[in-house]
Amino acid sequence: MQYVIPVVTLIVGLIGGFFIGVFYLRKQMEKMQSDPQMLQKMAKQMGYNLNGRQMQKAQQMMKNQQNTGKKGQGGGKRK
C-alpha cells in the first residue's frame, strides 16, 4: 500500500498537469490571434521575421484552426 498511493498520485498529477497545460496554451493562442504584437514576438523567438502580409496569413490560419477544433467538439452527425 505504501507504493500504490505515491504511484497513483503521480499519475493523477501528470494527467492533471497535462490538461491544465493544454487549457493554458489554448488561452494563449486565443490571445495571440487578437494581438499581432504577441504573435510577432513569438515568431521572433522562433527565429522568424514576419511582414504584414505573413502576419495576416498567420492570424487567419490560427483563426481557421480554432474554428475547426470547435466544430469537432459538438458531436452528432455532420451534414
PDB file of N, CA and C in Angstrom:
ATOM      1  N   MET A   1       0.824  -1.195   0.000  1.00  0.00           N
ATOM      2  CA  MET A   1       0.000   0.000   0.000  1.00  0.00           C
ATOM      3  C   MET A   1       0.872   1.263   0.000  1.00  0.00           C
ATOM      4  N   GLN A   2       2.051   1.177   0.596  1.00  0.00           N
ATOM      5  CA  GLN A   2       2.895   2.363   0.664  1.00  0.00           C
ATOM      6  C   GLN A   2       3.489   2.737  -0.695  1.00  0.00           C
ATOM      7  N   TYR A   3       3.464   1.834  -1.669  1.00  0.00           N
ATOM      8  CA  TYR A   3       3.944   2.135  -3.023  1.00  0.00           C
ATOM      9  C   TYR A   3       2.805   2.522  -3.961  1.00  0.00           C
ATOM     10  N   VAL A   4       1.612   2.086  -3.661  1.00  0.00           N
ATOM     11  CA  VAL A   4       0.473   2.322  -4.553  1.00  0.00           C
ATOM     12  C   VAL A   4       0.045   3.791  -4.516  1.00  0.00           C
ATOM     13  N   ILE A   5      -0.068   4.371  -3.346  1.00  0.00           N
ATOM     14  CA  ILE A   5      -0.548   5.743  -3.209  1.00  0.00           C
ATOM     15  C   ILE A   5       0.378   6.739  -3.926  1.00  0.00           C
ATOM     16  N   PRO A   6       1.699   6.683  -3.752  1.00  0.00           N
ATOM     17  CA  PRO A   6       2.553   7.629  -4.488  1.00  0.00           C
ATOM     18  C   PRO A   6       2.469   7.464  -6.012  1.00  0.00           C
ATOM     19  N   VAL A   7       2.365   6.230  -6.484  1.00  0.00           N
ATOM     20  CA  VAL A   7       2.277   5.993  -7.927  1.00  0.00           C
ATOM     21  C   VAL A   7       0.965   6.558  -8.471  1.00  0.00           C
ATOM     22  N   VAL A   8      -0.135   6.305  -7.771  1.00  0.00           N
ATOM     23  CA  VAL A   8      -1.439   6.827  -8.207  1.00  0.00           C
ATOM     24  C   VAL A   8      -1.426   8.352  -8.170  1.00  0.00           C
ATOM     25  N   THR A   9      -0.842   8.925  -7.115  1.00  0.00           N
ATOM     26  CA  THR A   9      -0.753  10.379  -7.000  1.00  0.00           C
ATOM     27  C   THR A   9       0.067  10.966  -8.153  1.00  0.00           C
ATOM     28  N   LEU A  10       1.166  10.325  -8.500  1.00  0.00           N
ATOM     29  CA  LEU A  10       1.997  10.780  -9.610  1.00  0.00           C
ATOM     30  C   LEU A  10       1.217  10.752 -10.927  1.00  0.00           C
ATOM     31  N   ILE A  11       0.512   9.681 -11.181  1.00  0.00           N
ATOM     32  CA  ILE A  11      -0.253   9.546 -12.422  1.00  0.00           C
ATOM     33  C   ILE A  11      -1.350  10.610 -12.499  1.00  0.00           C
ATOM     34  N   VAL A  12      -2.077  10.797 -11.389  1.00  0.00           N
ATOM     35  CA  VAL A  12      -3.137  11.808 -11.362  1.00  0.00           C
ATOM     36  C   VAL A  12      -2.537  13.206 -11.561  1.00  0.00           C
ATOM     37  N   GLY A  13      -1.398  13.476 -10.950  1.00  0.00           N
ATOM     38  CA  GLY A  13      -0.740  14.770 -11.101  1.00  0.00           C
ATOM     39  C   GLY A  13      -0.293  15.018 -12.529  1.00  0.00           C
ATOM     40  N   LEU A  14       0.259  14.015 -13.175  1.00  0.00           N
ATOM     41  CA  LEU A  14       0.687  14.165 -14.570  1.00  0.00           C
ATOM     42  C   LEU A  14      -0.501  14.420 -15.495  1.00  0.00           C
ATOM     43  N   ILE A  15      -1.573  13.683 -15.294  1.00  0.00           N
ATOM     44  CA  ILE A  15      -2.761  13.865 -16.132  1.00  0.00           C
ATOM     45  C   ILE A  15      -3.356  15.256 -15.898  1.00  0.00           C
ATOM     46  N   GLY A  16      -3.470  15.651 -14.633  1.00  0.00           N
ATOM     47  CA  GLY A  16      -3.997  16.977 -14.315  1.00  0.00           C
ATOM     48  C   GLY A  16      -3.122  18.083 -14.878  1.00  0.00           C
ATOM     49  N   GLY A  17      -1.816  17.943 -14.760  1.00  0.00           N
ATOM     50  CA  GLY A  17      -0.886  18.930 -15.294  1.00  0.00           C
ATOM     51  C   GLY A  17      -0.976  19.047 -16.802  1.00  0.00           C
ATOM     52  N   PHE A  18      -1.170  17.916 -17.461  1.00  0.00           N
ATOM     53  CA  PHE A  18      -1.309  17.928 -18.916  1.00  0.00           C
ATOM     54  C   PHE A  18      -2.529  18.741 -19.331  1.00  0.00           C
ATOM     55  N   PHE A  19      -3.669  18.478 -18.695  1.00  0.00           N
ATOM     56  CA  PHE A  19      -4.888  19.185 -19.072  1.00  0.00           C
ATOM     57  C   PHE A  19      -4.824  20.671 -18.719  1.00  0.00           C
ATOM     58  N   ILE A  20      -4.200  21.005 -17.616  1.00  0.00           N
ATOM     59  CA  ILE A  20      -4.016  22.414 -17.265  1.00  0.00           C
ATOM     60  C   ILE A  20      -3.119  23.091 -18.293  1.00  0.00           C
ATOM     61  N   GLY A  21      -2.060  22.409 -18.725  1.00  0.00           N
ATOM     62  CA  GLY A  21      -1.158  22.952 -19.741  1.00  0.00           C
ATOM     63  C   GLY A  21      -1.856  23.173 -21.074  1.00  0.00           C
ATOM     64  N   VAL A  22      -2.688  22.235 -21.486  1.00  0.00           N
ATOM     65  CA  VAL A  22      -3.429  22.372 -22.743  1.00  0.00           C
ATOM     66  C   VAL A  22      -4.387  23.559 -22.657  1.00  0.00           C
ATOM     67  N   PHE A  23      -5.091  23.686 -21.531  1.00  0.00           N
ATOM     68  CA  PHE A  23      -6.020  24.800 -21.334  1.00  0.00           C
ATOM     69  C   PHE A  23      -5.282  26.134 -21.411  1.00  0.00           C
ATOM     70  N   TYR A  24      -4.137  26.231 -20.732  1.00  0.00           N
ATOM     71  CA  TYR A  24      -3.347  27.459 -20.719  1.00  0.00           C
ATOM     72  C   TYR A  24      -2.839  27.798 -22.124  1.00  0.00           C
ATOM     73  N   LEU A  25      -2.355  26.793 -22.836  1.00  0.00           N
ATOM     74  CA  LEU A  25      -1.842  27.010 -24.185  1.00  0.00           C
ATOM     75  C   LEU A  25      -2.942  27.500 -25.124  1.00  0.00           C
ATOM     76  N   ARG A  26      -4.136  26.938 -25.013  1.00  0.00           N
ATOM     77  CA  ARG A  26      -5.247  27.385 -25.863  1.00  0.00           C
ATOM     78  C   ARG A  26      -5.605  28.836 -25.586  1.00  0.00           C
ATOM     79  N   LYS A  27      -5.614  29.210 -24.308  1.00  0.00           N
ATOM     80  CA  LYS A  27      -5.920  30.600 -23.957  1.00  0.00           C
ATOM     81  C   LYS A  27      -4.859  31.542 -24.526  1.00  0.00           C
ATOM     82  N   GLN A  28      -3.585  31.147 -24.451  1.00  0.00           N
ATOM     83  CA  GLN A  28      -2.516  31.978 -25.001  1.00  0.00           C
ATOM     84  C   GLN A  28      -2.652  32.114 -26.517  1.00  0.00           C
ATOM     85  N   MET A  29      -3.024  31.045 -27.195  1.00  0.00           N
ATOM     86  CA  MET A  29      -3.193  31.095 -28.650  1.00  0.00           C
ATOM     87  C   MET A  29      -4.351  32.020 -29.025  1.00  0.00           C
ATOM     88  N   GLU A  30      -5.430  32.005 -28.231  1.00  0.00           N
ATOM     89  CA  GLU A  30      -6.548  32.908 -28.491  1.00  0.00           C
ATOM     90  C   GLU A  30      -6.120  34.363 -28.319  1.00  0.00           C
ATOM     91  N   LYS A  31      -5.289  34.637 -27.308  1.00  0.00           N
ATOM     92  CA  LYS A  31      -4.794  35.997 -27.101  1.00  0.00           C
ATOM     93  C   LYS A  31      -3.934  36.432 -28.285  1.00  0.00           C
ATOM     94  N   MET A  32      -3.071  35.533 -28.755  1.00  0.00           N
ATOM     95  CA  MET A  32      -2.176  35.858 -29.868  1.00  0.00           C
ATOM     96  C   MET A  32      -2.950  36.153 -31.136  1.00  0.00           C
ATOM     97  N   GLN A  33      -4.056  35.479 -31.313  1.00  0.00           N
ATOM     98  CA  GLN A  33      -4.861  35.671 -32.517  1.00  0.00           C
ATOM     99  C   GLN A  33      -5.355  37.105 -32.604  1.00  0.00           C
ATOM    100  N   SER A  34      -5.701  37.706 -31.476  1.00  0.00           N
ATOM    101  CA  SER A  34      -6.218  39.063 -31.496  1.00  0.00           C
ATOM    102  C   SER A  34      -5.134  40.120 -31.265  1.00  0.00           C
ATOM    103  N   ASP A  35      -3.915  39.699 -30.914  1.00  0.00           N
ATOM    104  CA  ASP A  35      -2.840  40.642 -30.617  1.00  0.00           C
ATOM    105  C   ASP A  35      -1.653  40.394 -31.550  1.00  0.00           C
ATOM    106  N   PRO A  36      -1.529  41.178 -32.622  1.00  0.00           N
ATOM    107  CA  PRO A  36      -0.452  40.954 -33.593  1.00  0.00           C
ATOM    108  C   PRO A  36       0.948  41.108 -32.986  1.00  0.00           C
ATOM    109  N   GLN A  37       1.110  41.992 -32.003  1.00  0.00           N
ATOM    110  CA  GLN A  37       2.427  42.164 -31.399  1.00  0.00           C
ATOM    111  C   GLN A  37       2.872  40.893 -30.680  1.00  0.00           C
ATOM    112  N   MET A  38       1.931  40.224 -30.025  1.00  0.00           N
ATOM    113  CA  MET A  38       2.265  38.992 -29.321  1.00  0.00           C
ATOM    114  C   MET A  38       2.666  37.894 -30.313  1.00  0.00           C
ATOM    115  N   LEU A  39       1.947  37.831 -31.426  1.00  0.00           N
ATOM    116  CA  LEU A  39       2.266  36.857 -32.467  1.00  0.00           C
ATOM    117  C   LEU A  39       3.632  37.155 -33.082  1.00  0.00           C
ATOM    118  N   GLN A  40       3.916  38.427 -33.310  1.00  0.00           N
ATOM    119  CA  GLN A  40       5.216  38.834 -33.858  1.00  0.00           C
ATOM    120  C   GLN A  40       6.341  38.456 -32.894  1.00  0.00           C
ATOM    121  N   LYS A  41       6.115  38.665 -31.607  1.00  0.00           N
ATOM    122  CA  LYS A  41       7.116  38.335 -30.591  1.00  0.00           C
ATOM    123  C   LYS A  41       7.409  36.834 -30.587  1.00  0.00           C
ATOM    124  N   MET A  42       6.344  36.016 -30.671  1.00  0.00           N
ATOM    125  CA  MET A  42       6.532  34.574 -30.699  1.00  0.00           C
ATOM    126  C   MET A  42       7.320  34.163 -31.947  1.00  0.00           C
ATOM    127  N   ALA A  43       7.005  34.764 -33.084  1.00  0.00           N
ATOM    128  CA  ALA A  43       7.702  34.436 -34.324  1.00  0.00           C
ATOM    129  C   ALA A  43       9.186  34.797 -34.217  1.00  0.00           C
ATOM    130  N   LYS A  44       9.494  35.954 -33.625  1.00  0.00           N
ATOM    131  CA  LYS A  44      10.894  36.356 -33.458  1.00  0.00           C
ATOM    132  C   LYS A  44      11.644  35.384 -32.556  1.00  0.00           C
ATOM    133  N   GLN A  45      10.981  34.901 -31.505  1.00  0.00           N
ATOM    134  CA  GLN A  45      11.617  33.940 -30.605  1.00  0.00           C
ATOM    135  C   GLN A  45      11.937  32.640 -31.333  1.00  0.00           C
ATOM    136  N   MET A  46      11.133  32.315 -32.344  1.00  0.00           N
ATOM    137  CA  MET A  46      11.369  31.096 -33.118  1.00  0.00           C
ATOM    138  C   MET A  46      12.329  31.342 -34.278  1.00  0.00           C
ATOM    139  N   GLY A  47      12.785  32.598 -34.452  1.00  0.00           N
ATOM    140  CA  GLY A  47      13.759  32.893 -35.489  1.00  0.00           C
ATOM    141  C   GLY A  47      13.157  33.379 -36.792  1.00  0.00           C
ATOM    142  N   TYR A  48      11.871  33.736 -36.788  1.00  0.00           N
ATOM    143  CA  TYR A  48      11.212  34.226 -37.993  1.00  0.00           C
ATOM    144  C   TYR A  48      10.933  35.710 -37.852  1.00  0.00           C
ATOM    145  N   ASN A  49      10.975  36.418 -38.989  1.00  0.00           N
ATOM    146  CA  ASN A  49      10.616  37.829 -39.012  1.00  0.00           C
ATOM    147  C   ASN A  49       9.471  37.975 -40.008  1.00  0.00           C
ATOM    148  N   LEU A  50       8.252  38.187 -39.503  1.00  0.00           N
ATOM    149  CA  LEU A  50       7.073  38.222 -40.352  1.00  0.00           C
ATOM    150  C   LEU A  50       6.777  39.647 -40.818  1.00  0.00           C
ATOM    151  N   ASN A  51       6.448  39.786 -42.106  1.00  0.00           N
ATOM    152  CA  ASN A  51       5.978  41.083 -42.592  1.00  0.00           C
ATOM    153  C   ASN A  51       4.457  41.143 -42.403  1.00  0.00           C
ATOM    154  N   GLY A  52       3.834  42.241 -42.793  1.00  0.00           N
ATOM    155  CA  GLY A  52       2.405  42.432 -42.568  1.00  0.00           C
ATOM    156  C   GLY A  52       1.537  41.375 -43.218  1.00  0.00           C
ATOM    157  N   ARG A  53       1.874  41.016 -44.436  1.00  0.00           N
ATOM    158  CA  ARG A  53       1.074  40.015 -45.160  1.00  0.00           C
ATOM    159  C   ARG A  53       1.194  38.630 -44.502  1.00  0.00           C
ATOM    160  N   GLN A  54       2.411  38.271 -44.113  1.00  0.00           N
ATOM    161  CA  GLN A  54       2.620  36.988 -43.443  1.00  0.00           C
ATOM    162  C   GLN A  54       1.900  36.958 -42.089  1.00  0.00           C
ATOM    163  N   MET A  55       1.878  38.116 -41.414  1.00  0.00           N
ATOM    164  CA  MET A  55       1.205  38.217 -40.125  1.00  0.00           C
ATOM    165  C   MET A  55      -0.293  37.966 -40.291  1.00  0.00           C
ATOM    166  N   GLN A  56      -0.893  38.584 -41.301  1.00  0.00           N
ATOM    167  CA  GLN A  56      -2.318  38.388 -41.556  1.00  0.00           C
ATOM    168  C   GLN A  56      -2.618  36.934 -41.890  1.00  0.00           C
ATOM    169  N   LYS A  57      -1.734  36.331 -42.667  1.00  0.00           N
ATOM    170  CA  LYS A  57      -1.925  34.932 -43.049  1.00  0.00           C
ATOM    171  C   LYS A  57      -1.830  34.023 -41.816  1.00  0.00           C
ATOM    172  N   ALA A  58      -0.890  34.300 -40.925  1.00  0.00           N
ATOM    173  CA  ALA A  58      -0.732  33.504 -39.704  1.00  0.00           C
ATOM    174  C   ALA A  58      -1.945  33.657 -38.800  1.00  0.00           C
ATOM    175  N   GLN A  59      -2.459  34.890 -38.679  1.00  0.00           N
ATOM    176  CA  GLN A  59      -3.652  35.109 -37.854  1.00  0.00           C
ATOM    177  C   GLN A  59      -4.852  34.382 -38.436  1.00  0.00           C
ATOM    178  N   GLN A  60      -5.000  34.433 -39.743  1.00  0.00           N
ATOM    179  CA  GLN A  60      -6.122  33.749 -40.388  1.00  0.00           C
ATOM    180  C   GLN A  60      -6.006  32.241 -40.210  1.00  0.00           C
ATOM    181  N   MET A  61      -4.797  31.721 -40.317  1.00  0.00           N
ATOM    182  CA  MET A  61      -4.577  30.296 -40.142  1.00  0.00           C
ATOM    183  C   MET A  61      -4.935  29.860 -38.714  1.00  0.00           C
ATOM    184  N   MET A  62      -4.543  30.684 -37.726  1.00  0.00           N
ATOM    185  CA  MET A  62      -4.864  30.363 -36.333  1.00  0.00           C
ATOM    186  C   MET A  62      -6.374  30.415 -36.099  1.00  0.00           C
ATOM    187  N   LYS A  63      -7.035  31.386 -36.728  1.00  0.00           N
ATOM    188  CA  LYS A  63      -8.479  31.517 -36.577  1.00  0.00           C
ATOM    189  C   LYS A  63      -9.191  30.310 -37.179  1.00  0.00           C
ATOM    190  N   ASN A  64      -8.762  29.889 -38.366  1.00  0.00           N
ATOM    191  CA  ASN A  64      -9.357  28.722 -39.018  1.00  0.00           C
ATOM    192  C   ASN A  64      -9.132  27.458 -38.204  1.00  0.00           C
ATOM    193  N   GLN A  65      -7.950  27.326 -37.642  1.00  0.00           N
ATOM    194  CA  GLN A  65      -7.632  26.145 -36.836  1.00  0.00           C
ATOM    195  C   GLN A  65      -8.500  26.120 -35.578  1.00  0.00           C
ATOM    196  N   GLN A  66      -8.724  27.275 -34.974  1.00  0.00           N
ATOM    197  CA  GLN A  66      -9.549  27.358 -33.777  1.00  0.00           C
ATOM    198  C   GLN A  66     -11.000  26.990 -34.110  1.00  0.00           C
ATOM    199  N   ASN A  67     -11.515  27.501 -35.229  1.00  0.00           N
ATOM    200  CA  ASN A  67     -12.890  27.203 -35.624  1.00  0.00           C
ATOM    201  C   ASN A  67     -13.058  25.733 -35.977  1.00  0.00           C
ATOM    202  N   THR A  68     -12.080  25.137 -36.609  1.00  0.00           N
ATOM    203  CA  THR A  68     -12.137  23.728 -36.958  1.00  0.00           C
ATOM    204  C   THR A  68     -12.186  22.872 -35.703  1.00  0.00           C
ATOM    205  N   GLY A  69     -11.413  23.230 -34.700  1.00  0.00           N
ATOM    206  CA  GLY A  69     -11.402  22.479 -33.451  1.00  0.00           C
ATOM    207  C   GLY A  69     -12.724  22.539 -32.724  1.00  0.00           C
ATOM    208  N   LYS A  70     -13.397  23.673 -32.774  1.00  0.00           N
ATOM    209  CA  LYS A  70     -14.682  23.816 -32.092  1.00  0.00           C
ATOM    210  C   LYS A  70     -15.781  23.047 -32.804  1.00  0.00           C
ATOM    211  N   LYS A  71     -15.706  22.918 -34.128  1.00  0.00           N
ATOM    212  CA  LYS A  71     -16.729  22.184 -34.872  1.00  0.00           C
ATOM    213  C   LYS A  71     -16.747  20.722 -34.460  1.00  0.00           C
ATOM    214  N   GLY A  72     -15.589  20.150 -34.237  1.00  0.00           N
ATOM    215  CA  GLY A  72     -15.495  18.733 -33.914  1.00  0.00           C
ATOM    216  C   GLY A  72     -15.947  18.400 -32.502  1.00  0.00           C
ATOM    217  N   GLN A  73     -16.102  19.386 -31.632  1.00  0.00           N
ATOM    218  CA  GLN A  73     -16.452  19.115 -30.247  1.00  0.00           C
ATOM    219  C   GLN A  73     -17.948  18.946 -30.035  1.00  0.00           C
ATOM    220  N   GLY A  74     -18.774  19.337 -30.976  1.00  0.00           N
ATOM    221  CA  GLY A  74     -20.218  19.313 -30.783  1.00  0.00           C
ATOM    222  C   GLY A  74     -20.808  17.918 -30.777  1.00  0.00           C
ATOM    223  N   GLY A  75     -20.148  16.979 -31.422  1.00  0.00           N
ATOM    224  CA  GLY A  75     -20.704  15.631 -31.503  1.00  0.00           C
ATOM    225  C   GLY A  75     -21.830  15.590 -32.510  1.00  0.00           C
ATOM    226  N   GLY A  76     -22.464  14.437 -32.628  1.00  0.00           N
ATOM    227  CA  GLY A  76     -23.599  14.312 -33.543  1.00  0.00           C
ATOM    228  C   GLY A  76     -23.134  14.164 -34.979  1.00  0.00           C
ATOM    229  N   LYS A  77     -24.123  14.164 -35.875  1.00  0.00           N
ATOM    230  CA  LYS A  77     -23.837  13.956 -37.289  1.00  0.00           C
ATOM    231  C   LYS A  77     -23.572  15.280 -37.995  1.00  0.00           C
ATOM    232  N   ARG A  78     -22.710  15.219 -38.986  1.00  0.00           N
ATOM    233  CA  ARG A  78     -22.461  16.380 -39.846  1.00  0.00           C
ATOM    234  C   ARG A  78     -23.206  16.179 -41.142  1.00  0.00           C
ATOM    235  N   LYS A  79     -23.685  17.255 -41.697  1.00  0.00           N
ATOM    236  CA  LYS A  79     -24.407  17.170 -42.982  1.00  0.00           C
ATOM    237  C   LYS A  79     -23.510  17.549 -44.108  1.00  0.00           C
TER     238      LYS A  79
END
